[in-house]
Amino acid sequence: MKKIIIEDLNSEMKDFEDAVQTNAAIYSDIDIIITRDKKDYKNSEL
């Protein structure tokens, strides 16, 4: 968990919470996130 938060603090994503959700999903082998905030996830790995 600490590793994910440190990565999120250094993420290129503008929104910290979006970075946390993205990395948590990646580390949990989740393929998608459902959101209305498309612009912040535009360059996401998901």
Protein backbone atom coordinates (compact mmCIF):
# COMPACT_ATOMS: atom_id res chain seq x y z
CA MET A 1 0.00 0.00 0.00
CA LYS A 2 2.77 2.44 0.91
CA LYS A 3 4.50 1.71 -2.41
CA ILE A 4 1.30 2.58 -4.30
CA ILE A 5 0.88 5.90 -2.46
CA ILE A 6 4.50 6.89 -3.13
CA GLU A 7 4.04 6.10 -6.82
CA ASP A 8 0.83 8.13 -6.84
CA LEU A 9 2.57 11.15 -5.36
CA ASN A 10 5.04 11.00 -8.25
CA SER A 11 2.41 10.21 -10.88
CA GLU A 12 1.87 12.31 -13.98
CA MET A 13 -1.87 12.21 -13.31
CA LYS A 14 -3.13 15.61 -12.17
CA ASP A 15 -5.61 14.24 -9.63
CA PHE A 16 -4.08 12.34 -6.70
CA GLU A 17 -7.24 10.32 -6.00
CA ASP A 18 -7.44 9.22 -9.63
CA ALA A 19 -3.80 8.13 -9.45
CA VAL A 20 -4.53 6.10 -6.29
CA GLN A 21 -7.52 4.41 -7.91
CA THR A 22 -5.58 3.63 -11.09
CA ASN A 23 -2.58 2.12 -9.32
CA ALA A 24 -4.73 0.20 -6.84
CA ALA A 25 -6.62 -1.29 -9.77
CA ILE A 26 -3.40 -2.21 -11.57
CA TYR A 27 -1.90 -3.88 -8.49
CA SER A 28 -5.20 -5.73 -7.93
CA ASP A 29 -5.36 -7.00 -11.55
CA ILE A 30 -8.49 -4.97 -12.27
CA ASP A 31 -8.87 -4.06 -15.95
CA ILE A 32 -11.33 -1.16 -15.82
CA ILE A 33 -12.52 1.74 -13.72
CA ILE A 34 -15.97 3.17 -14.29
CA THR A 35 -15.89 6.97 -14.13
CA ARG A 36 -17.47 10.09 -15.55
CA ASP A 37 -14.08 11.82 -15.41
CA LYS A 38 -12.71 10.70 -18.77
CA LYS A 39 -10.10 13.43 -19.15
CA ASP A 40 -8.04 12.37 -16.12
CA TYR A 41 -7.95 8.74 -17.28
CA LYS A 42 -7.16 9.53 -20.91
CA ASN A 43 -3.54 8.34 -20.67
CA SER A 44 -4.18 5.75 -17.97
CA GLU A 45 -2.83 2.22 -18.31
CA LEU A 46 -6.36 0.87 -17.79
